[in-house]
Amino acid sequence: MVLKETILSLLGRVMWKAIAERMATRLVVYGLKKLE
């Protein structure tokens, strides 16, 4: 239970919006370079 709560609290602190934005940007850049 302690391990589970620790992992859940760490996942809750992650800024998922920023990670999704960075991933989308990298995918767009990759696609542009491929299209070029």
Full PDB file with SEQRES, HELIX, SHEET, SSBOND, CRYST1, ORIGX, SCALE, CONECT and MASTER records, all heavy atoms in Angstrom:
SEQRES   1 A   36  MET VAL LEU LYS GLU THR ILE LEU SER LEU LEU GLY ARG          
SEQRES   2 A   36  VAL MET TRP LYS ALA ILE ALA GLU ARG MET ALA THR ARG          
SEQRES   3 A   36  LEU VAL VAL TYR GLY LEU LYS LYS LEU GLU                      
HELIX    1 AA1 VAL A    2  ARG A   13  1                                  12    
HELIX    2 AA2 TRP A   16  LEU A   35  1                                  20    
CRYST1    1.000    1.000    1.000  90.00  90.00  90.00 P 1           1          
ORIGX1      1.000000  0.000000  0.000000        0.00000                         
ORIGX2      0.000000  1.000000  0.000000        0.00000                         
ORIGX3      0.000000  0.000000  1.000000        0.00000                         
SCALE1      1.000000  0.000000  0.000000        0.00000                         
SCALE2      0.000000  1.000000  0.000000        0.00000                         
SCALE3      0.000000  0.000000  1.000000        0.00000                         
ATOM      1  N   MET A   1       0.827  -1.210   0.000  1.00  0.00           N  
ATOM      2  CA  MET A   1       0.000   0.000   0.000  1.00  0.00           C  
ATOM      3  C   MET A   1       0.864   1.264   0.000  1.00  0.00           C  
ATOM      4  O   MET A   1       0.551   2.232  -0.691  1.00  0.00           O  
ATOM      5  CB  MET A   1      -0.941   0.004   1.200  1.00  0.00           C  
ATOM      6  CG  MET A   1      -2.011  -1.069   1.131  1.00  0.00           C  
ATOM      7  SD  MET A   1      -3.068  -0.929  -0.327  1.00  0.00           S  
ATOM      8  CE  MET A   1      -4.018   0.488   0.102  1.00  0.00           C  
ATOM      9  N   VAL A   2       1.944   1.268   0.755  1.00  0.00           N  
ATOM     10  CA  VAL A   2       2.840   2.423   0.786  1.00  0.00           C  
ATOM     11  C   VAL A   2       3.486   2.622  -0.574  1.00  0.00           C  
ATOM     12  O   VAL A   2       3.560   3.749  -1.086  1.00  0.00           O  
ATOM     13  CB  VAL A   2       3.916   2.253   1.891  1.00  0.00           C  
ATOM     14  CG1 VAL A   2       5.017   3.287   1.758  1.00  0.00           C  
ATOM     15  CG2 VAL A   2       3.276   2.326   3.262  1.00  0.00           C  
ATOM     16  N   LEU A   3       3.928   1.544  -1.170  1.00  0.00           N  
ATOM     17  CA  LEU A   3       4.540   1.618  -2.497  1.00  0.00           C  
ATOM     18  C   LEU A   3       3.529   2.104  -3.532  1.00  0.00           C  
ATOM     19  O   LEU A   3       3.834   2.958  -4.372  1.00  0.00           O  
ATOM     20  CB  LEU A   3       5.096   0.250  -2.878  1.00  0.00           C  
ATOM     21  CG  LEU A   3       5.911   0.184  -4.160  1.00  0.00           C  
ATOM     22  CD1 LEU A   3       7.137   1.083  -4.067  1.00  0.00           C  
ATOM     23  CD2 LEU A   3       6.349  -1.240  -4.428  1.00  0.00           C  
ATOM     24  N   LYS A   4       2.325   1.599  -3.478  1.00  0.00           N  
ATOM     25  CA  LYS A   4       1.271   1.999  -4.399  1.00  0.00           C  
ATOM     26  C   LYS A   4       0.950   3.487  -4.256  1.00  0.00           C  
ATOM     27  O   LYS A   4       0.862   4.216  -5.250  1.00  0.00           O  
ATOM     28  CB  LYS A   4       0.020   1.167  -4.143  1.00  0.00           C  
ATOM     29  CG  LYS A   4      -1.153   1.528  -5.010  1.00  0.00           C  
ATOM     30  CD  LYS A   4      -2.368   0.691  -4.645  1.00  0.00           C  
ATOM     31  CE  LYS A   4      -3.621   1.260  -5.263  1.00  0.00           C  
ATOM     32  NZ  LYS A   4      -4.811   0.550  -4.785  1.00  0.00           N  
ATOM     33  N   GLU A   5       0.802   3.965  -3.044  1.00  0.00           N  
ATOM     34  CA  GLU A   5       0.491   5.384  -2.814  1.00  0.00           C  
ATOM     35  C   GLU A   5       1.641   6.288  -3.248  1.00  0.00           C  
ATOM     36  O   GLU A   5       1.419   7.371  -3.783  1.00  0.00           O  
ATOM     37  CB  GLU A   5       0.165   5.617  -1.335  1.00  0.00           C  
ATOM     38  CG  GLU A   5      -1.136   5.012  -0.891  1.00  0.00           C  
ATOM     39  CD  GLU A   5      -2.339   5.604  -1.599  1.00  0.00           C  
ATOM     40  OE1 GLU A   5      -2.345   6.815  -1.870  1.00  0.00           O  
ATOM     41  OE2 GLU A   5      -3.265   4.836  -1.911  1.00  0.00           O  
ATOM     42  N   THR A   6       2.856   5.830  -3.072  1.00  0.00           N  
ATOM     43  CA  THR A   6       4.018   6.614  -3.500  1.00  0.00           C  
ATOM     44  C   THR A   6       4.045   6.755  -5.009  1.00  0.00           C  
ATOM     45  O   THR A   6       4.250   7.850  -5.539  1.00  0.00           O  
ATOM     46  CB  THR A   6       5.318   5.944  -3.007  1.00  0.00           C  
ATOM     47  OG1 THR A   6       5.276   5.808  -1.587  1.00  0.00           O  
ATOM     48  CG2 THR A   6       6.527   6.770  -3.400  1.00  0.00           C  
ATOM     49  N   ILE A   7       3.829   5.664  -5.705  1.00  0.00           N  
ATOM     50  CA  ILE A   7       3.832   5.704  -7.172  1.00  0.00           C  
ATOM     51  C   ILE A   7       2.685   6.563  -7.692  1.00  0.00           C  
ATOM     52  O   ILE A   7       2.873   7.376  -8.606  1.00  0.00           O  
ATOM     53  CB  ILE A   7       3.774   4.273  -7.743  1.00  0.00           C  
ATOM     54  CG1 ILE A   7       5.087   3.547  -7.457  1.00  0.00           C  
ATOM     55  CG2 ILE A   7       3.487   4.286  -9.239  1.00  0.00           C  
ATOM     56  CD1 ILE A   7       5.073   2.079  -7.792  1.00  0.00           C  
ATOM     57  N   LEU A   8       1.511   6.436  -7.124  1.00  0.00           N  
ATOM     58  CA  LEU A   8       0.370   7.236  -7.556  1.00  0.00           C  
ATOM     59  C   LEU A   8       0.595   8.725  -7.306  1.00  0.00           C  
ATOM     60  O   LEU A   8       0.218   9.563  -8.123  1.00  0.00           O  
ATOM     61  CB  LEU A   8      -0.906   6.768  -6.872  1.00  0.00           C  
ATOM     62  CG  LEU A   8      -1.456   5.429  -7.340  1.00  0.00           C  
ATOM     63  CD1 LEU A   8      -2.679   5.027  -6.523  1.00  0.00           C  
ATOM     64  CD2 LEU A   8      -1.805   5.477  -8.817  1.00  0.00           C  
ATOM     65  N   SER A   9       1.215   9.066  -6.194  1.00  0.00           N  
ATOM     66  CA  SER A   9       1.471  10.481  -5.912  1.00  0.00           C  
ATOM     67  C   SER A   9       2.520  11.053  -6.859  1.00  0.00           C  
ATOM     68  O   SER A   9       2.425  12.205  -7.277  1.00  0.00           O  
ATOM     69  CB  SER A   9       1.900  10.683  -4.459  1.00  0.00           C  
ATOM     70  OG  SER A   9       3.161  10.102  -4.229  1.00  0.00           O  
ATOM     71  N   LEU A  10       3.518  10.246  -7.226  1.00  0.00           N  
ATOM     72  CA  LEU A  10       4.517  10.710  -8.195  1.00  0.00           C  
ATOM     73  C   LEU A  10       3.892  10.916  -9.570  1.00  0.00           C  
ATOM     74  O   LEU A  10       4.199  11.884 -10.261  1.00  0.00           O  
ATOM     75  CB  LEU A  10       5.676   9.724  -8.280  1.00  0.00           C  
ATOM     76  CG  LEU A  10       6.613   9.692  -7.070  1.00  0.00           C  
ATOM     77  CD1 LEU A  10       7.632   8.576  -7.225  1.00  0.00           C  
ATOM     78  CD2 LEU A  10       7.307  11.013  -6.905  1.00  0.00           C  
ATOM     79  N   LEU A  11       3.014  10.010  -9.991  1.00  0.00           N  
ATOM     80  CA  LEU A  11       2.340  10.155 -11.276  1.00  0.00           C  
ATOM     81  C   LEU A  11       1.401  11.355 -11.283  1.00  0.00           C  
ATOM     82  O   LEU A  11       1.203  12.000 -12.306  1.00  0.00           O  
ATOM     83  CB  LEU A  11       1.575   8.880 -11.627  1.00  0.00           C  
ATOM     84  CG  LEU A  11       2.421   7.677 -12.000  1.00  0.00           C  
ATOM     85  CD1 LEU A  11       1.530   6.455 -12.214  1.00  0.00           C  
ATOM     86  CD2 LEU A  11       3.230   7.954 -13.240  1.00  0.00           C  
ATOM     87  N   GLY A  12       0.836  11.671 -10.133  1.00  0.00           N  
ATOM     88  CA  GLY A  12      -0.056  12.814 -10.030  1.00  0.00           C  
ATOM     89  C   GLY A  12       0.656  14.138 -10.145  1.00  0.00           C  
ATOM     90  O   GLY A  12       0.065  15.145 -10.530  1.00  0.00           O  
ATOM     91  N   ARG A  13       1.924  14.183  -9.825  1.00  0.00           N  
ATOM     92  CA  ARG A  13       2.690  15.419  -9.886  1.00  0.00           C  
ATOM     93  C   ARG A  13       3.215  15.739 -11.274  1.00  0.00           C  
ATOM     94  O   ARG A  13       3.638  16.848 -11.535  1.00  0.00           O  
ATOM     95  CB  ARG A  13       3.887  15.346  -8.938  1.00  0.00           C  
ATOM     96  CG  ARG A  13       3.505  15.356  -7.499  1.00  0.00           C  
ATOM     97  CD  ARG A  13       4.731  15.372  -6.646  1.00  0.00           C  
ATOM     98  NE  ARG A  13       4.367  15.385  -5.246  1.00  0.00           N  
ATOM     99  CZ  ARG A  13       5.210  15.577  -4.266  1.00  0.00           C  
ATOM    100  NH1 ARG A  13       6.480  15.759  -4.545  1.00  0.00           N  
ATOM    101  NH2 ARG A  13       4.805  15.585  -3.038  1.00  0.00           N  
ATOM    102  N   VAL A  14       3.197  14.769 -12.166  1.00  0.00           N  
ATOM    103  CA  VAL A  14       3.729  14.969 -13.513  1.00  0.00           C  
ATOM    104  C   VAL A  14       2.810  15.918 -14.277  1.00  0.00           C  
ATOM    105  O   VAL A  14       1.589  15.802 -14.217  1.00  0.00           O  
ATOM    106  CB  VAL A  14       3.830  13.614 -14.251  1.00  0.00           C  
ATOM    107  CG1 VAL A  14       4.221  13.814 -15.698  1.00  0.00           C  
ATOM    108  CG2 VAL A  14       4.826  12.716 -13.550  1.00  0.00           C  
ATOM    109  N   MET A  15       3.413  16.869 -14.982  1.00  0.00           N  
ATOM    110  CA  MET A  15       2.643  17.821 -15.777  1.00  0.00           C  
ATOM    111  C   MET A  15       2.350  17.183 -17.142  1.00  0.00           C  
ATOM    112  O   MET A  15       3.112  17.342 -18.098  1.00  0.00           O  
ATOM    113  CB  MET A  15       3.419  19.121 -15.931  1.00  0.00           C  
ATOM    114  CG  MET A  15       3.640  19.836 -14.620  1.00  0.00           C  
ATOM    115  SD  MET A  15       4.579  21.349 -14.814  1.00  0.00           S  
ATOM    116  CE  MET A  15       3.525  22.292 -15.873  1.00  0.00           C  
ATOM    117  N   TRP A  16       1.264  16.432 -17.214  1.00  0.00           N  
ATOM    118  CA  TRP A  16       0.947  15.668 -18.410  1.00  0.00           C  
ATOM    119  C   TRP A  16       0.655  16.567 -19.600  1.00  0.00           C  
ATOM    120  O   TRP A  16       0.921  16.191 -20.740  1.00  0.00           O  
ATOM    121  CB  TRP A  16      -0.226  14.722 -18.137  1.00  0.00           C  
ATOM    122  CG  TRP A  16       0.142  13.647 -17.169  1.00  0.00           C  
ATOM    123  CD1 TRP A  16      -0.258  13.540 -15.879  1.00  0.00           C  
ATOM    124  CD2 TRP A  16       1.028  12.545 -17.404  1.00  0.00           C  
ATOM    125  NE1 TRP A  16       0.308  12.439 -15.303  1.00  0.00           N  
ATOM    126  CE2 TRP A  16       1.101  11.809 -16.209  1.00  0.00           C  
ATOM    127  CE3 TRP A  16       1.763  12.117 -18.499  1.00  0.00           C  
ATOM    128  CZ2 TRP A  16       1.874  10.665 -16.094  1.00  0.00           C  
ATOM    129  CZ3 TRP A  16       2.530  10.971 -18.377  1.00  0.00           C  
ATOM    130  CH2 TRP A  16       2.579  10.257 -17.190  1.00  0.00           C  
ATOM    131  N   LYS A  17       0.104  17.750 -19.357  1.00  0.00           N  
ATOM    132  CA  LYS A  17      -0.196  18.666 -20.459  1.00  0.00           C  
ATOM    133  C   LYS A  17       1.098  19.092 -21.163  1.00  0.00           C  
ATOM    134  O   LYS A  17       1.165  19.129 -22.390  1.00  0.00           O  
ATOM    135  CB  LYS A  17      -0.944  19.889 -19.938  1.00  0.00           C  
ATOM    136  CG  LYS A  17      -1.360  20.831 -21.013  1.00  0.00           C  
ATOM    137  CD  LYS A  17      -2.138  22.010 -20.461  1.00  0.00           C  
ATOM    138  CE  LYS A  17      -2.500  22.981 -21.558  1.00  0.00           C  
ATOM    139  NZ  LYS A  17      -3.181  24.152 -21.056  1.00  0.00           N  
ATOM    140  N   ALA A  18       2.121  19.402 -20.393  1.00  0.00           N  
ATOM    141  CA  ALA A  18       3.408  19.810 -20.976  1.00  0.00           C  
ATOM    142  C   ALA A  18       4.055  18.649 -21.728  1.00  0.00           C  
ATOM    143  O   ALA A  18       4.622  18.842 -22.812  1.00  0.00           O  
ATOM    144  CB  ALA A  18       4.344  20.320 -19.886  1.00  0.00           C  
ATOM    145  N   ILE A  19       3.945  17.456 -21.201  1.00  0.00           N  
ATOM    146  CA  ILE A  19       4.517  16.289 -21.865  1.00  0.00           C  
ATOM    147  C   ILE A  19       3.783  16.023 -23.182  1.00  0.00           C  
ATOM    148  O   ILE A  19       4.415  15.749 -24.207  1.00  0.00           O  
ATOM    149  CB  ILE A  19       4.462  15.055 -20.940  1.00  0.00           C  
ATOM    150  CG1 ILE A  19       5.457  15.249 -19.787  1.00  0.00           C  
ATOM    151  CG2 ILE A  19       4.755  13.770 -21.695  1.00  0.00           C  
ATOM    152  CD1 ILE A  19       5.379  14.199 -18.719  1.00  0.00           C  
ATOM    153  N   ALA A  20       2.458  16.139 -23.171  1.00  0.00           N  
ATOM    154  CA  ALA A  20       1.682  15.928 -24.400  1.00  0.00           C  
ATOM    155  C   ALA A  20       2.017  16.999 -25.429  1.00  0.00           C  
ATOM    156  O   ALA A  20       2.132  16.706 -26.629  1.00  0.00           O  
ATOM    157  CB  ALA A  20       0.191  15.945 -24.080  1.00  0.00           C  
ATOM    158  N   GLU A  21       2.197  18.244 -24.985  1.00  0.00           N  
ATOM    159  CA  GLU A  21       2.538  19.325 -25.904  1.00  0.00           C  
ATOM    160  C   GLU A  21       3.909  19.107 -26.530  1.00  0.00           C  
ATOM    161  O   GLU A  21       4.098  19.296 -27.733  1.00  0.00           O  
ATOM    162  CB  GLU A  21       2.514  20.653 -25.154  1.00  0.00           C  
ATOM    163  CG  GLU A  21       2.723  21.853 -26.024  1.00  0.00           C  
ATOM    164  CD  GLU A  21       2.630  23.159 -25.245  1.00  0.00           C  
ATOM    165  OE1 GLU A  21       2.223  23.126 -24.068  1.00  0.00           O  
ATOM    166  OE2 GLU A  21       2.968  24.194 -25.826  1.00  0.00           O  
ATOM    167  N   ARG A  22       4.854  18.692 -25.737  1.00  0.00           N  
ATOM    168  CA  ARG A  22       6.196  18.417 -26.265  1.00  0.00           C  
ATOM    169  C   ARG A  22       6.172  17.252 -27.245  1.00  0.00           C  
ATOM    170  O   ARG A  22       6.826  17.292 -28.290  1.00  0.00           O  
ATOM    171  CB  ARG A  22       7.165  18.117 -25.131  1.00  0.00           C  
ATOM    172  CG  ARG A  22       7.529  19.338 -24.327  1.00  0.00           C  
ATOM    173  CD  ARG A  22       8.373  18.963 -23.125  1.00  0.00           C  
ATOM    174  NE  ARG A  22       8.543  20.096 -22.258  1.00  0.00           N  
ATOM    175  CZ  ARG A  22       9.606  20.878 -22.266  1.00  0.00           C  
ATOM    176  NH1 ARG A  22      10.589  20.631 -23.086  1.00  0.00           N  
ATOM    177  NH2 ARG A  22       9.693  21.902 -21.451  1.00  0.00           N  
ATOM    178  N   MET A  23       5.417  16.224 -26.931  1.00  0.00           N  
ATOM    179  CA  MET A  23       5.343  15.074 -27.817  1.00  0.00           C  
ATOM    180  C   MET A  23       4.685  15.458 -29.142  1.00  0.00           C  
ATOM    181  O   MET A  23       5.152  15.053 -30.219  1.00  0.00           O  
ATOM    182  CB  MET A  23       4.566  13.947 -27.164  1.00  0.00           C  
ATOM    183  CG  MET A  23       4.472  12.706 -27.957  1.00  0.00           C  
ATOM    184  SD  MET A  23       4.340  11.373 -26.789  1.00  0.00           S  
ATOM    185  CE  MET A  23       4.740  10.000 -27.739  1.00  0.00           C  
ATOM    186  N   ALA A  24       3.609  16.237 -29.081  1.00  0.00           N  
ATOM    187  CA  ALA A  24       2.940  16.674 -30.307  1.00  0.00           C  
ATOM    188  C   ALA A  24       3.871  17.530 -31.156  1.00  0.00           C  
ATOM    189  O   ALA A  24       3.927  17.378 -32.379  1.00  0.00           O  
ATOM    190  CB  ALA A  24       1.672  17.451 -29.961  1.00  0.00           C  
ATOM    191  N   THR A  25       4.627  18.409 -30.513  1.00  0.00           N  
ATOM    192  CA  THR A  25       5.566  19.261 -31.244  1.00  0.00           C  
ATOM    193  C   THR A  25       6.632  18.423 -31.915  1.00  0.00           C  
ATOM    194  O   THR A  25       6.989  18.653 -33.079  1.00  0.00           O  
ATOM    195  CB  THR A  25       6.221  20.285 -30.293  1.00  0.00           C  
ATOM    196  OG1 THR A  25       5.195  21.056 -29.671  1.00  0.00           O  
ATOM    197  CG2 THR A  25       7.149  21.208 -31.038  1.00  0.00           C  
ATOM    198  N   ARG A  26       7.150  17.446 -31.218  1.00  0.00           N  
ATOM    199  CA  ARG A  26       8.182  16.584 -31.804  1.00  0.00           C  
ATOM    200  C   ARG A  26       7.634  15.766 -32.960  1.00  0.00           C  
ATOM    201  O   ARG A  26       8.326  15.544 -33.963  1.00  0.00           O  
ATOM    202  CB  ARG A  26       8.771  15.680 -30.731  1.00  0.00           C  
ATOM    203  CG  ARG A  26       9.637  16.469 -29.778  1.00  0.00           C  
ATOM    204  CD  ARG A  26      10.310  15.622 -28.757  1.00  0.00           C  
ATOM    205  NE  ARG A  26      11.161  16.469 -27.928  1.00  0.00           N  
ATOM    206  CZ  ARG A  26      11.289  16.347 -26.642  1.00  0.00           C  
ATOM    207  NH1 ARG A  26      10.653  15.385 -26.003  1.00  0.00           N  
ATOM    208  NH2 ARG A  26      12.069  17.153 -25.958  1.00  0.00           N  
ATOM    209  N   LEU A  27       6.381  15.323 -32.860  1.00  0.00           N  
ATOM    210  CA  LEU A  27       5.769  14.588 -33.964  1.00  0.00           C  
ATOM    211  C   LEU A  27       5.567  15.484 -35.181  1.00  0.00           C  
ATOM    212  O   LEU A  27       5.788  15.060 -36.318  1.00  0.00           O  
ATOM    213  CB  LEU A  27       4.440  13.983 -33.525  1.00  0.00           C  
ATOM    214  CG  LEU A  27       4.525  12.789 -32.583  1.00  0.00           C  
ATOM    215  CD1 LEU A  27       3.124  12.404 -32.090  1.00  0.00           C  
ATOM    216  CD2 LEU A  27       5.183  11.612 -33.266  1.00  0.00           C  
ATOM    217  N   VAL A  28       5.177  16.727 -34.954  1.00  0.00           N  
ATOM    218  CA  VAL A  28       5.002  17.670 -36.065  1.00  0.00           C  
ATOM    219  C   VAL A  28       6.341  17.943 -36.735  1.00  0.00           C  
ATOM    220  O   VAL A  28       6.452  17.953 -37.964  1.00  0.00           O  
ATOM    221  CB  VAL A  28       4.355  18.985 -35.572  1.00  0.00           C  
ATOM    222  CG1 VAL A  28       4.451  20.077 -36.620  1.00  0.00           C  
ATOM    223  CG2 VAL A  28       2.912  18.743 -35.179  1.00  0.00           C  
ATOM    224  N   VAL A  29       7.383  18.163 -35.931  1.00  0.00           N  
ATOM    225  CA  VAL A  29       8.715  18.416 -36.483  1.00  0.00           C  
ATOM    226  C   VAL A  29       9.192  17.210 -37.281  1.00  0.00           C  
ATOM    227  O   VAL A  29       9.726  17.354 -38.395  1.00  0.00           O  
ATOM    228  CB  VAL A  29       9.713  18.776 -35.357  1.00  0.00           C  
ATOM    229  CG1 VAL A  29      11.149  18.748 -35.858  1.00  0.00           C  
ATOM    230  CG2 VAL A  29       9.375  20.132 -34.761  1.00  0.00           C  
ATOM    231  N   TYR A  30       9.000  16.026 -36.741  1.00  0.00           N  
ATOM    232  CA  TYR A  30       9.389  14.813 -37.460  1.00  0.00           C  
ATOM    233  C   TYR A  30       8.646  14.704 -38.788  1.00  0.00           C  
ATOM    234  O   TYR A  30       9.232  14.399 -39.823  1.00  0.00           O  
ATOM    235  CB  TYR A  30       9.119  13.578 -36.590  1.00  0.00           C  
ATOM    236  CG  TYR A  30       9.342  12.279 -37.319  1.00  0.00           C  
ATOM    237  CD1 TYR A  30      10.629  11.803 -37.537  1.00  0.00           C  
ATOM    238  CD2 TYR A  30       8.276  11.540 -37.810  1.00  0.00           C  
ATOM    239  CE1 TYR A  30      10.837  10.610 -38.225  1.00  0.00           C  
ATOM    240  CE2 TYR A  30       8.469  10.360 -38.488  1.00  0.00           C  
ATOM    241  CZ  TYR A  30       9.747   9.894 -38.693  1.00  0.00           C  
ATOM    242  OH  TYR A  30       9.952   8.725 -39.375  1.00  0.00           O  
ATOM    243  N   GLY A  31       7.340  14.963 -38.760  1.00  0.00           N  
ATOM    244  CA  GLY A  31       6.542  14.886 -39.977  1.00  0.00           C  
ATOM    245  C   GLY A  31       6.969  15.911 -41.017  1.00  0.00           C  
ATOM    246  O   GLY A  31       7.013  15.618 -42.211  1.00  0.00           O  
ATOM    247  N   LEU A  32       7.284  17.121 -40.559  1.00  0.00           N  
ATOM    248  CA  LEU A  32       7.743  18.153 -41.497  1.00  0.00           C  
ATOM    249  C   LEU A  32       9.064  17.773 -42.148  1.00  0.00           C  
ATOM    250  O   LEU A  32       9.246  17.952 -43.359  1.00  0.00           O  
ATOM    251  CB  LEU A  32       7.886  19.493 -40.775  1.00  0.00           C  
ATOM    252  CG  LEU A  32       6.591  20.248 -40.501  1.00  0.00           C  
ATOM    253  CD1 LEU A  32       6.869  21.437 -39.592  1.00  0.00           C  
ATOM    254  CD2 LEU A  32       5.951  20.701 -41.784  1.00  0.00           C  
ATOM    255  N   LYS A  33       9.981  17.253 -41.354  1.00  0.00           N  
ATOM    256  CA  LYS A  33      11.280  16.863 -41.913  1.00  0.00           C  
ATOM    257  C   LYS A  33      11.126  15.691 -42.877  1.00  0.00           C  
ATOM    258  O   LYS A  33      11.803  15.628 -43.902  1.00  0.00           O  
ATOM    259  CB  LYS A  33      12.255  16.522 -40.791  1.00  0.00           C  
ATOM    260  CG  LYS A  33      12.706  17.758 -40.031  1.00  0.00           C  
ATOM    261  CD  LYS A  33      13.709  17.426 -38.958  1.00  0.00           C  
ATOM    262  CE  LYS A  33      14.161  18.699 -38.256  1.00  0.00           C  
ATOM    263  NZ  LYS A  33      15.128  18.431 -37.213  1.00  0.00           N  
ATOM    264  N   LYS A  34      10.217  14.782 -42.557  1.00  0.00           N  
ATOM    265  CA  LYS A  34       9.961  13.648 -43.444  1.00  0.00           C  
ATOM    266  C   LYS A  34       9.318  14.132 -44.745  1.00  0.00           C  
ATOM    267  O   LYS A  34       9.699  13.705 -45.833  1.00  0.00           O  
ATOM    268  CB  LYS A  34       9.039  12.659 -42.725  1.00  0.00           C  
ATOM    269  CG  LYS A  34       8.956  11.330 -43.341  1.00  0.00           C  
ATOM    270  CD  LYS A  34      10.162  10.529 -43.021  1.00  0.00           C  
ATOM    271  CE  LYS A  34       9.905   9.086 -43.378  1.00  0.00           C  
ATOM    272  NZ  LYS A  34      11.106   8.315 -43.393  1.00  0.00           N  
ATOM    273  N   LEU A  35       8.357  15.046 -44.636  1.00  0.00           N  
ATOM    274  CA  LEU A  35       7.677  15.592 -45.806  1.00  0.00           C  
ATOM    275  C   LEU A  35       8.631  16.378 -46.691  1.00  0.00           C  
ATOM    276  O   LEU A  35       8.521  16.338 -47.917  1.00  0.00           O  
ATOM    277  CB  LEU A  35       6.527  16.490 -45.346  1.00  0.00           C  
ATOM    278  CG  LEU A  35       5.622  17.083 -46.413  1.00  0.00           C  
ATOM    279  CD1 LEU A  35       4.894  15.952 -47.138  1.00  0.00           C  
ATOM    280  CD2 LEU A  35       4.633  18.029 -45.784  1.00  0.00           C  
ATOM    281  N   GLU A  36       9.575  17.053 -46.073  1.00  0.00           N  
ATOM    282  CA  GLU A  36      10.558  17.839 -46.820  1.00  0.00           C  
ATOM    283  C   GLU A  36      11.395  16.947 -47.733  1.00  0.00           C  
ATOM    284  O   GLU A  36      11.790  17.344 -48.826  1.00  0.00           O  
ATOM    285  CB  GLU A  36      11.466  18.586 -45.836  1.00  0.00           C  
ATOM    286  CG  GLU A  36      12.526  19.432 -46.470  1.00  0.00           C  
ATOM    287  CD  GLU A  36      13.442  20.059 -45.438  1.00  0.00           C  
ATOM    288  OE1 GLU A  36      13.522  19.543 -44.297  1.00  0.00           O  
ATOM    289  OE2 GLU A  36      14.087  21.061 -45.769  1.00  0.00           O  
TER     290      GLU A  36                                                      
MASTER        0    0    0    2    0    0    0    6  289    1    0    3          
END                                                                             
